[in-house]
Amino acid sequence: MNTLQTFKLWLEPDRDIPEFRRLRWATVAVSIHDVLLHGVHPWSGPDKHSTLPEAMLRNVNEEMARLPELVQFGYCGDVNVYSGYAWDKPSRFDRVLQAIHEHVCFVDDLTYLELLNIAKTRLRNQWTHSMVREMVRDAHPGFQDLRQFLKSKDKQIKLSSYEDVDQYDLAGLLTLDDFEQRDSLLISHGIPVLNFRRASLLAKVTDEQGRLRLVPEIRHVTLTGTPLKPDYAHVIWHVAREGSMWRFRPDIGDAHAKRKHYQEFAARWRTDEGRLCFTTTMEGLVEMVDRQIVEPSFPSLNYNSAEHAPTAGAVVDSSHVKAFHIGRYAQAGTTGDQLKDILHQYEVSMTGNKDQLLQKLATLAASKYRERLPEMERFFSRNRFVRMRSAPSSVAELPLLDDLTYLRNLVLTMYAVKHLRGDAILEASHRNNTYTEDELAHALLAGKVSLTGAFLRVA
């Protein structure tokens, strides 16, 4: 069942000039699948997405949509719509569509000469006294100039004021030839709308079915639970696409009582082991929307900037949360004797100056990193962490590599740096390959790379 709508756009021949086409539109149902994977715009009501009107006008007014030969004559002017207020009816986007419909004609191609010939044909077919009167007054704006021109056509005409002009059959007196060399006059009176765009513009703002589409895909959606059960709780999920899967993050806030509902929902739909934050398939997301278990909205959709996911938050009692940190390790400030003590514990040669000792320690740390990597991969695959920029007053050590006494903190820091996504999420599936193990160990010892803060386990 489709719960979303979008606009379908198409072009129809103009009623009076079939060579030109006008924009038409209607709202149609669209699936959440097509919205997310193909970027079809999810119409959620008037002005829910304030950047939509500007994005549409930006496409209509770009140079590629205009016809270069007509631009120089002023026949491809900008389309503008006043901003108005949120409560104005219709919505601003409706006003944008209406303005395009009323003030823009679409053509595959059109030269100035073709436009002039269309205008002449229309004028010949509608050659009336009132039309000719307006044309001749525009061609000869001063009364004496007008009087002289008309008397050159008929010396018997007697004119003392503009009112006298209506006493004569101007359509019978004058012909189209009397306005030769006045191309702009003929065009302005023969063509009611003089603002043109290429018909190919429509393909840029729609998909193959003519549905409004301004971006190739939409990677974020907010899902709100719908009241289907007596014990309904208002739950909100911020969902982001990760490859072919969708990552759900609950917006819990300070509502501790809702955790049970979030956990039950996660248990029903997850494809991983997440208790609160979980991952599911596109098929699962489509099913929950189609069954109206959740209602989608798109607060992060912005056509003027890159799409950013809304923040999901939870307020928790800090006394119930265990924070972990990685302790200090030897660095460039460590004395030579201390470096030798560490190397001695692992039966590594202690000869050389301080720089050479640091290099030996880096090589040793890289070797231990590769040796203990399977153990770290298992632990961090089962446990995901987020990084806090500052550590709370009470923190604990990460429960692994306890036997690696002198190198434990350095090796764990190496793993965290290589697996930290966006400087915030520590997970085994993400890898930063900027440094090799040896290069990273040396950079950490030299102080060129550092890691601060603490880590919280996430669901």
Protein backbone atom coordinates (compact mmCIF):
# COMPACT_ATOMS: atom_id res chain seq x y z
CA MET A 1 0.00 0.00 0.00
CA ASN A 2 1.42 3.36 -1.00
CA THR A 3 1.26 5.95 1.77
CA LEU A 4 3.25 8.65 0.01
CA GLN A 5 2.45 11.01 -2.83
CA THR A 6 4.48 12.88 -5.38
CA PHE A 7 3.87 15.13 -8.37
CA LYS A 8 3.59 13.79 -11.88
CA LEU A 9 4.58 16.38 -14.50
CA TRP A 10 3.94 16.37 -18.23
CA LEU A 11 3.61 18.74 -21.19
CA GLU A 12 0.47 19.31 -23.27
CA PRO A 13 0.07 21.33 -26.49
CA ASP A 14 -0.99 24.91 -25.89
CA ARG A 15 -4.69 25.46 -26.62
CA ASP A 16 -4.05 28.38 -29.00
CA ILE A 17 -0.58 27.58 -30.35
CA PRO A 18 -0.13 23.79 -30.52
CA GLU A 19 3.51 24.23 -31.56
CA PHE A 20 4.12 25.27 -27.97
CA ARG A 21 3.52 23.10 -24.90
CA ARG A 22 2.46 23.95 -21.37
CA LEU A 23 3.26 22.29 -18.06
CA ARG A 24 0.57 20.15 -16.42
CA TRP A 25 0.71 18.21 -13.17
CA ALA A 26 -1.18 15.97 -10.76
CA THR A 27 -0.41 14.21 -7.49
CA VAL A 28 0.05 10.43 -7.64
CA ALA A 29 0.94 7.68 -5.17
CA VAL A 30 4.57 6.62 -4.87
CA SER A 31 6.23 3.79 -2.95
CA ILE A 32 8.82 4.33 -0.24
CA HIS A 33 11.10 2.12 -2.38
CA ASP A 34 11.04 4.59 -5.28
CA VAL A 35 11.46 7.56 -2.96
CA LEU A 36 14.55 6.20 -1.23
CA LEU A 37 16.29 4.31 -4.02
CA HIS A 38 15.33 6.53 -6.97
CA GLY A 39 14.97 9.96 -5.39
CA VAL A 40 11.31 10.55 -6.29
CA HIS A 41 10.20 13.55 -4.23
CA PRO A 42 7.98 12.59 -1.26
CA TRP A 43 5.23 15.20 -1.19
CA SER A 44 4.29 15.46 2.47
CA GLY A 45 2.02 18.49 2.24
CA PRO A 46 2.35 22.22 1.57
CA ASP A 47 5.79 23.64 2.22
CA LYS A 48 7.09 20.68 4.23
CA HIS A 49 10.30 20.97 2.20
CA SER A 50 11.07 24.65 1.88
CA THR A 51 13.95 24.11 -0.54
CA LEU A 52 11.76 22.38 -3.16
CA PRO A 53 10.41 25.58 -4.82
CA GLU A 54 13.90 27.10 -5.07
CA ALA A 55 15.31 23.88 -6.51
CA MET A 56 12.58 23.75 -9.16
CA LEU A 57 13.10 27.40 -10.11
CA ARG A 58 16.85 26.83 -10.20
CA ASN A 59 16.38 24.12 -12.83
CA VAL A 60 13.90 26.21 -14.83
CA ASN A 61 16.21 29.23 -14.83
CA GLU A 62 19.49 27.53 -15.61
CA GLU A 63 21.19 28.36 -18.92
CA MET A 64 20.94 24.83 -20.33
CA ALA A 65 17.14 25.06 -20.27
CA ARG A 66 17.04 28.24 -22.39
CA LEU A 67 17.28 28.66 -26.15
CA PRO A 68 20.40 30.74 -26.96
CA GLU A 69 18.96 32.38 -30.10
CA LEU A 70 15.92 33.64 -28.16
CA VAL A 71 17.85 34.70 -25.05
CA GLN A 72 19.36 37.70 -26.85
CA PHE A 73 15.85 38.97 -27.66
CA GLY A 74 14.65 38.65 -24.05
CA TYR A 75 12.36 35.69 -24.74
CA CYS A 76 13.85 33.38 -22.05
CA GLY A 77 13.41 35.48 -18.93
CA ASP A 78 13.70 34.24 -15.35
CA VAL A 79 10.67 32.75 -13.64
CA ASN A 80 10.15 34.14 -10.13
CA VAL A 81 7.54 33.47 -7.46
CA TYR A 82 7.14 35.53 -4.29
CA SER A 83 7.95 33.71 -1.08
CA GLY A 84 4.68 34.42 0.70
CA TYR A 85 3.78 32.98 4.09
CA ALA A 86 3.47 29.40 5.31
CA TRP A 87 -0.32 29.74 5.51
CA ASP A 88 -0.72 31.11 1.99
CA LYS A 89 -2.88 28.97 -0.29
CA PRO A 90 -1.95 27.33 -2.52
CA SER A 91 1.49 26.27 -1.30
CA ARG A 92 4.55 27.99 -2.67
CA PHE A 93 5.47 24.96 -4.77
CA ASP A 94 1.98 24.95 -6.27
CA ARG A 95 2.51 28.61 -7.08
CA VAL A 96 5.81 27.74 -8.75
CA LEU A 97 4.11 25.14 -10.95
CA GLN A 98 1.29 27.57 -11.73
CA ALA A 99 3.77 30.30 -12.68
CA ILE A 100 5.61 27.93 -15.03
CA HIS A 101 2.30 26.86 -16.56
CA GLU A 102 1.14 30.43 -17.14
CA HIS A 103 4.37 32.12 -18.12
CA VAL A 104 6.53 29.50 -19.88
CA CYS A 105 6.10 27.71 -23.21
CA PHE A 106 8.12 24.56 -23.88
CA VAL A 107 9.55 23.67 -27.29
CA ASP A 108 11.99 21.11 -28.64
CA ASP A 109 13.74 23.89 -30.52
CA LEU A 110 12.72 27.31 -31.85
CA THR A 111 14.52 29.93 -33.91
CA TYR A 112 13.69 33.63 -34.01
CA LEU A 113 12.48 33.34 -37.61
CA GLU A 114 10.17 30.44 -36.69
CA LEU A 115 8.77 32.46 -33.82
CA LEU A 116 8.15 35.44 -36.11
CA ASN A 117 6.34 33.26 -38.66
CA ILE A 118 4.11 31.76 -35.95
CA ALA A 119 3.24 35.28 -34.79
CA LYS A 120 2.39 36.39 -38.33
CA THR A 121 0.17 33.37 -38.90
CA ARG A 122 -1.75 34.03 -35.67
CA LEU A 123 -2.17 37.72 -36.53
CA ARG A 124 -3.56 36.91 -39.99
CA ASN A 125 -6.04 34.49 -38.43
CA GLN A 126 -7.14 37.02 -35.81
CA TRP A 127 -7.02 40.23 -37.84
CA THR A 128 -9.66 42.36 -36.09
CA HIS A 129 -10.22 46.06 -35.61
CA SER A 130 -9.35 45.98 -31.91
CA MET A 131 -6.13 44.06 -32.50
CA VAL A 132 -5.00 46.34 -35.32
CA ARG A 133 -5.89 49.40 -33.24
CA GLU A 134 -3.57 48.27 -30.46
CA MET A 135 -0.81 47.41 -32.91
CA VAL A 136 -0.96 50.72 -34.75
CA ARG A 137 -1.03 52.72 -31.52
CA ASP A 138 2.06 50.82 -30.29
CA ALA A 139 3.78 51.40 -33.65
CA HIS A 140 2.89 55.12 -33.62
CA PRO A 141 2.60 56.20 -29.98
CA GLY A 142 2.14 59.93 -30.66
CA PHE A 143 -1.27 61.07 -31.98
CA GLN A 144 0.15 63.22 -34.76
CA ASP A 145 2.41 60.36 -35.89
CA LEU A 146 -0.60 58.01 -35.82
CA ARG A 147 -2.78 60.51 -37.74
CA GLN A 148 -0.11 61.02 -40.40
CA PHE A 149 0.36 57.26 -40.83
CA LEU A 150 -3.38 56.56 -41.22
CA LYS A 151 -3.87 59.45 -43.66
CA SER A 152 -1.04 58.01 -45.76
CA LYS A 153 -3.25 54.94 -46.13
CA ASP A 154 -6.49 56.85 -46.76
CA LYS A 155 -6.46 60.57 -47.44
CA GLN A 156 -10.21 60.77 -46.74
CA ILE A 157 -9.76 59.90 -43.05
CA LYS A 158 -10.58 62.74 -40.67
CA LEU A 159 -9.01 62.42 -37.23
CA SER A 160 -9.02 64.99 -34.46
CA SER A 161 -8.65 62.65 -31.43
CA TYR A 162 -8.04 59.05 -30.51
CA GLU A 163 -11.79 58.52 -30.23
CA ASP A 164 -12.09 59.17 -33.96
CA VAL A 165 -9.87 56.17 -34.69
CA ASP A 166 -12.65 53.80 -33.66
CA GLN A 167 -14.90 55.23 -36.39
CA TYR A 168 -12.90 53.43 -39.04
CA ASP A 169 -12.43 49.76 -39.90
CA LEU A 170 -8.70 49.49 -39.24
CA ALA A 171 -8.70 45.77 -40.02
CA GLY A 172 -9.91 46.59 -43.52
CA LEU A 173 -7.67 49.61 -43.89
CA LEU A 174 -4.39 48.00 -42.85
CA THR A 175 -2.70 44.70 -43.60
CA LEU A 176 0.16 42.79 -42.02
CA ASP A 177 2.48 44.26 -44.63
CA ASP A 178 1.97 47.69 -43.10
CA PHE A 179 3.95 46.49 -40.07
CA GLU A 180 6.94 45.05 -41.93
CA GLN A 181 10.31 45.65 -40.27
CA ARG A 182 8.57 45.75 -36.92
CA ASP A 183 9.32 42.17 -35.92
CA SER A 184 9.22 42.67 -32.16
CA LEU A 185 5.81 44.37 -32.47
CA LEU A 186 4.42 41.49 -34.51
CA ILE A 187 5.79 38.92 -32.06
CA SER A 188 4.54 40.73 -28.95
CA HIS A 189 1.01 41.03 -30.35
CA GLY A 190 0.94 37.62 -32.00
CA ILE A 191 2.34 35.51 -29.13
CA PRO A 192 0.66 35.87 -25.72
CA VAL A 193 3.55 34.27 -23.74
CA LEU A 194 7.11 35.10 -24.65
CA ASN A 195 9.16 33.01 -22.26
CA PHE A 196 10.55 29.77 -23.66
CA ARG A 197 12.34 26.71 -22.34
CA ARG A 198 13.54 23.49 -23.88
CA ALA A 199 11.10 20.61 -23.44
CA SER A 200 14.07 18.42 -22.44
CA LEU A 201 14.10 20.30 -19.11
CA LEU A 202 11.27 18.06 -17.92
CA ALA A 203 13.46 14.96 -18.18
CA LYS A 204 15.94 16.56 -15.78
CA VAL A 205 13.37 17.06 -13.01
CA THR A 206 11.37 13.83 -13.43
CA ASP A 207 11.97 10.09 -13.66
CA GLU A 208 10.97 7.87 -16.57
CA GLN A 209 7.36 7.88 -15.34
CA GLY A 210 7.25 11.67 -15.19
CA ARG A 211 7.37 11.81 -11.39
CA LEU A 212 9.12 14.73 -9.71
CA ARG A 213 12.73 13.79 -9.02
CA LEU A 214 15.53 16.26 -8.25
CA VAL A 215 18.14 13.94 -6.67
CA PRO A 216 19.28 10.43 -7.63
CA GLU A 217 18.47 8.92 -4.22
CA ILE A 218 17.39 9.81 -0.68
CA ARG A 219 19.52 8.18 1.99
CA HIS A 220 17.74 9.29 5.18
CA VAL A 221 14.19 8.87 6.43
CA THR A 222 12.51 9.33 9.80
CA LEU A 223 9.94 6.69 10.72
CA THR A 224 7.29 7.33 13.37
CA GLY A 225 5.29 4.48 14.89
CA THR A 226 1.57 4.46 14.14
CA PRO A 227 -1.03 3.65 16.83
CA LEU A 228 -1.94 0.07 15.90
CA LYS A 229 -1.99 -1.46 19.42
CA PRO A 230 -3.70 -0.49 22.69
CA ASP A 231 -0.30 -0.03 24.37
CA TYR A 232 0.90 2.30 21.59
CA ALA A 233 3.96 4.38 22.42
CA HIS A 234 5.14 7.29 20.31
CA VAL A 235 8.43 6.00 18.92
CA ILE A 236 10.67 7.64 16.34
CA TRP A 237 13.47 6.07 14.32
CA HIS A 238 16.08 7.98 12.33
CA VAL A 239 17.10 5.68 9.50
CA ALA A 240 20.12 5.93 7.20
CA ARG A 241 21.20 3.83 4.26
CA GLU A 242 24.44 1.91 4.66
CA GLY A 243 25.17 0.11 1.41
CA SER A 244 22.16 -2.07 0.65
CA MET A 245 21.01 -2.06 4.28
CA TRP A 246 19.23 0.48 6.48
CA ARG A 247 20.49 1.44 9.92
CA PHE A 248 17.81 2.31 12.51
CA ARG A 249 18.64 4.61 15.44
CA PRO A 250 15.93 5.32 18.02
CA ASP A 251 15.24 8.85 19.24
CA ILE A 252 14.66 7.90 22.87
CA GLY A 253 15.29 11.20 24.60
CA ASP A 254 14.49 10.91 28.30
CA ALA A 255 11.60 8.45 27.81
CA HIS A 256 12.94 5.41 29.69
CA ALA A 257 9.54 3.72 29.55
CA LYS A 258 9.74 3.51 25.73
CA ARG A 259 12.84 1.33 25.69
CA LYS A 260 10.72 -1.84 25.82
CA HIS A 261 8.83 -0.75 22.69
CA TYR A 262 12.06 0.08 20.88
CA GLN A 263 13.58 -3.27 21.84
CA GLU A 264 10.49 -5.20 20.70
CA PHE A 265 10.50 -3.35 17.39
CA ALA A 266 14.22 -4.03 16.90
CA ALA A 267 13.76 -7.72 17.72
CA ARG A 268 10.98 -7.97 15.10
CA TRP A 269 12.85 -6.31 12.22
CA ARG A 270 16.59 -6.57 12.78
CA THR A 271 18.95 -8.65 10.67
CA ASP A 272 21.82 -8.20 13.15
CA GLU A 273 22.08 -8.40 16.95
CA GLY A 274 21.23 -4.77 17.72
CA ARG A 275 18.96 -4.35 20.74
CA LEU A 276 18.10 -0.70 20.16
CA CYS A 277 20.13 0.40 17.14
CA PHE A 278 19.73 -2.22 14.45
CA THR A 279 20.04 -2.92 10.73
CA THR A 280 17.44 -4.31 8.36
CA THR A 281 16.90 -4.80 4.63
CA MET A 282 15.16 -2.60 2.12
CA GLU A 283 12.44 -5.24 1.94
CA GLY A 284 11.89 -4.98 5.68
CA LEU A 285 11.67 -1.19 5.56
CA VAL A 286 9.20 -1.32 2.66
CA GLU A 287 7.06 -3.86 4.50
CA MET A 288 6.78 -1.83 7.71
CA VAL A 289 5.80 1.27 5.71
CA ASP A 290 3.36 -0.55 3.44
CA ARG A 291 1.70 -2.18 6.45
CA GLN A 292 1.50 1.31 8.02
CA ILE A 293 3.38 0.14 11.10
CA VAL A 294 5.43 3.32 10.72
CA GLU A 295 4.85 6.59 8.90
CA PRO A 296 7.76 8.05 6.92
CA SER A 297 8.84 11.69 6.89
CA PHE A 298 11.92 13.43 5.51
CA PRO A 299 13.04 16.28 7.78
CA SER A 300 16.63 16.12 6.51
CA LEU A 301 15.74 16.38 2.82
CA ASN A 302 17.37 19.56 1.55
CA TYR A 303 17.80 20.40 -2.13
CA ASN A 304 20.22 23.25 -1.41
CA SER A 305 22.89 21.28 0.45
CA ALA A 306 24.15 17.81 1.17
CA GLU A 307 21.75 15.52 2.98
CA HIS A 308 22.48 15.00 6.67
CA ALA A 309 20.81 12.49 8.95
CA PRO A 310 18.81 13.85 11.91
CA THR A 311 20.39 13.19 15.28
CA ALA A 312 18.99 10.38 17.40
CA GLY A 313 19.46 10.92 21.10
CA ALA A 314 18.94 9.30 24.47
CA VAL A 315 19.13 10.84 27.92
CA VAL A 316 20.46 8.32 30.43
CA ASP A 317 21.68 8.35 34.00
CA SER A 318 25.46 8.56 33.84
CA SER A 319 25.80 6.31 36.89
CA HIS A 320 24.32 3.45 34.86
CA VAL A 321 26.70 3.84 31.93
CA LYS A 322 30.17 2.36 31.91
CA ALA A 323 32.65 4.39 29.91
CA PHE A 324 35.87 2.86 28.63
CA HIS A 325 39.15 4.49 27.77
CA ILE A 326 42.54 3.55 26.47
CA GLY A 327 45.35 4.59 28.77
CA ARG A 328 48.61 6.32 28.02
CA TYR A 329 51.52 4.78 26.19
CA ALA A 330 55.15 5.66 25.53
CA GLN A 331 55.72 8.66 23.27
CA ALA A 332 58.51 10.94 22.12
CA GLY A 333 58.64 12.48 25.61
CA THR A 334 59.47 9.13 27.18
CA THR A 335 63.10 8.90 28.27
CA GLY A 336 65.57 6.66 26.52
CA ASP A 337 65.94 4.47 29.59
CA GLN A 338 62.17 3.93 29.77
CA LEU A 339 62.10 2.97 26.09
CA LYS A 340 64.92 0.49 26.70
CA ASP A 341 62.98 -1.04 29.62
CA ILE A 342 59.99 -1.68 27.33
CA LEU A 343 62.14 -3.17 24.58
CA HIS A 344 63.94 -5.33 27.15
CA GLN A 345 60.62 -6.89 28.22
CA TYR A 346 60.16 -8.17 24.66
CA GLU A 347 63.81 -9.14 24.14
CA VAL A 348 64.40 -6.49 21.48
CA SER A 349 67.84 -4.94 21.02
CA MET A 350 68.23 -1.75 23.12
CA THR A 351 71.12 -0.21 21.18
CA GLY A 352 70.85 3.09 19.28
CA ASN A 353 69.82 6.68 19.93
CA LYS A 354 66.35 7.71 21.03
CA ASP A 355 64.94 8.01 17.48
CA GLN A 356 66.18 4.50 16.72
CA LEU A 357 64.65 3.21 19.96
CA LEU A 358 61.29 4.76 19.02
CA GLN A 359 61.49 3.13 15.60
CA LYS A 360 62.20 -0.26 17.17
CA LEU A 361 59.26 0.21 19.52
CA ALA A 362 57.01 1.12 16.56
CA THR A 363 58.09 -2.00 14.68
CA LEU A 364 57.44 -4.11 17.79
CA ALA A 365 53.97 -2.57 18.30
CA ALA A 366 53.04 -3.19 14.65
CA SER A 367 54.14 -6.83 15.00
CA LYS A 368 52.05 -7.29 18.16
CA TYR A 369 49.10 -5.54 16.45
CA ARG A 370 49.10 -8.05 13.60
CA GLU A 371 49.55 -10.92 16.06
CA ARG A 372 46.58 -9.89 18.25
CA LEU A 373 44.35 -8.56 15.46
CA PRO A 374 42.04 -11.66 15.36
CA GLU A 375 41.31 -11.22 19.08
CA MET A 376 40.52 -7.52 18.66
CA GLU A 377 38.36 -8.21 15.59
CA ARG A 378 36.25 -10.72 17.52
CA PHE A 379 35.76 -8.34 20.44
CA PHE A 380 34.87 -5.26 18.40
CA SER A 381 32.64 -7.24 16.03
CA ARG A 382 30.49 -8.16 19.03
CA ASN A 383 30.73 -4.72 20.65
CA ARG A 384 30.21 -1.35 18.94
CA PHE A 385 31.32 1.84 20.64
CA VAL A 386 30.84 5.57 20.15
CA ARG A 387 33.57 8.00 21.11
CA MET A 388 33.03 10.78 23.65
CA ARG A 389 35.31 13.76 23.14
CA SER A 390 35.89 14.06 26.89
CA ALA A 391 36.05 11.22 29.39
CA PRO A 392 33.72 11.16 32.42
CA SER A 393 35.14 11.15 35.94
CA SER A 394 35.00 7.35 36.20
CA VAL A 395 36.14 5.18 33.30
CA ALA A 396 37.19 1.56 32.92
CA GLU A 397 39.77 -0.18 30.81
CA LEU A 398 38.62 -2.06 27.71
CA PRO A 399 38.49 -5.74 28.73
CA LEU A 400 41.04 -7.25 26.36
CA LEU A 401 44.81 -7.61 25.77
CA ASP A 402 45.41 -7.53 29.53
CA ASP A 403 48.51 -9.72 29.14
CA LEU A 404 50.13 -7.27 26.72
CA THR A 405 51.28 -5.16 29.65
CA TYR A 406 53.67 -2.62 28.14
CA LEU A 407 52.18 -2.37 24.62
CA ARG A 408 48.48 -2.87 25.37
CA ASN A 409 47.43 0.78 25.21
CA LEU A 410 49.47 1.52 22.09
CA VAL A 411 48.10 -1.50 20.22
CA LEU A 412 44.49 -0.72 21.24
CA THR A 413 44.94 2.92 20.19
CA MET A 414 46.21 1.72 16.82
CA TYR A 415 43.08 -0.41 16.37
CA ALA A 416 40.75 2.42 17.43
CA VAL A 417 42.36 4.90 15.02
CA LYS A 418 42.13 2.44 12.12
CA HIS A 419 38.50 1.54 12.83
CA LEU A 420 37.01 4.89 13.88
CA ARG A 421 34.26 5.98 11.47
CA GLY A 422 33.72 9.73 11.22
CA ASP A 423 35.82 10.28 14.37
CA ALA A 424 32.80 9.02 16.35
CA ILE A 425 31.91 5.34 15.85
CA LEU A 426 34.30 2.49 16.59
CA GLU A 427 33.34 -0.62 14.62
CA ALA A 428 35.23 -3.56 13.17
CA SER A 429 33.64 -3.28 9.71
CA HIS A 430 35.16 0.14 9.06
CA ARG A 431 38.84 0.45 8.15
CA ASN A 432 41.02 3.52 7.68
CA ASN A 433 43.97 2.58 5.49
CA THR A 434 45.72 5.96 5.57
CA TYR A 435 48.63 4.40 7.52
CA THR A 436 50.20 0.96 7.53
CA GLU A 437 50.56 -0.62 10.96
CA ASP A 438 54.23 0.40 11.16
CA GLU A 439 53.52 3.97 10.01
CA LEU A 440 50.63 4.36 12.44
CA ALA A 441 52.60 3.07 15.41
CA HIS A 442 55.44 5.50 14.63
CA ALA A 443 53.01 8.41 14.14
CA LEU A 444 51.40 7.71 17.52
CA LEU A 445 54.76 7.45 19.28
CA ALA A 446 55.94 10.68 17.61
CA GLY A 447 52.74 12.50 18.60
CA LYS A 448 51.72 13.18 14.99
CA VAL A 449 48.47 11.23 15.57
CA SER A 450 46.53 11.11 18.84
CA LEU A 451 43.29 9.77 20.27
CA THR A 452 41.49 11.34 23.22
CA GLY A 453 38.21 10.88 25.03
CA ALA A 454 36.37 7.73 26.03
CA PHE A 455 34.13 5.07 24.49
CA LEU A 456 30.53 4.09 25.26
CA ARG A 457 29.09 0.73 24.25
CA VAL A 458 26.01 1.06 22.03
CA ALA A 459 23.11 -1.32 21.47
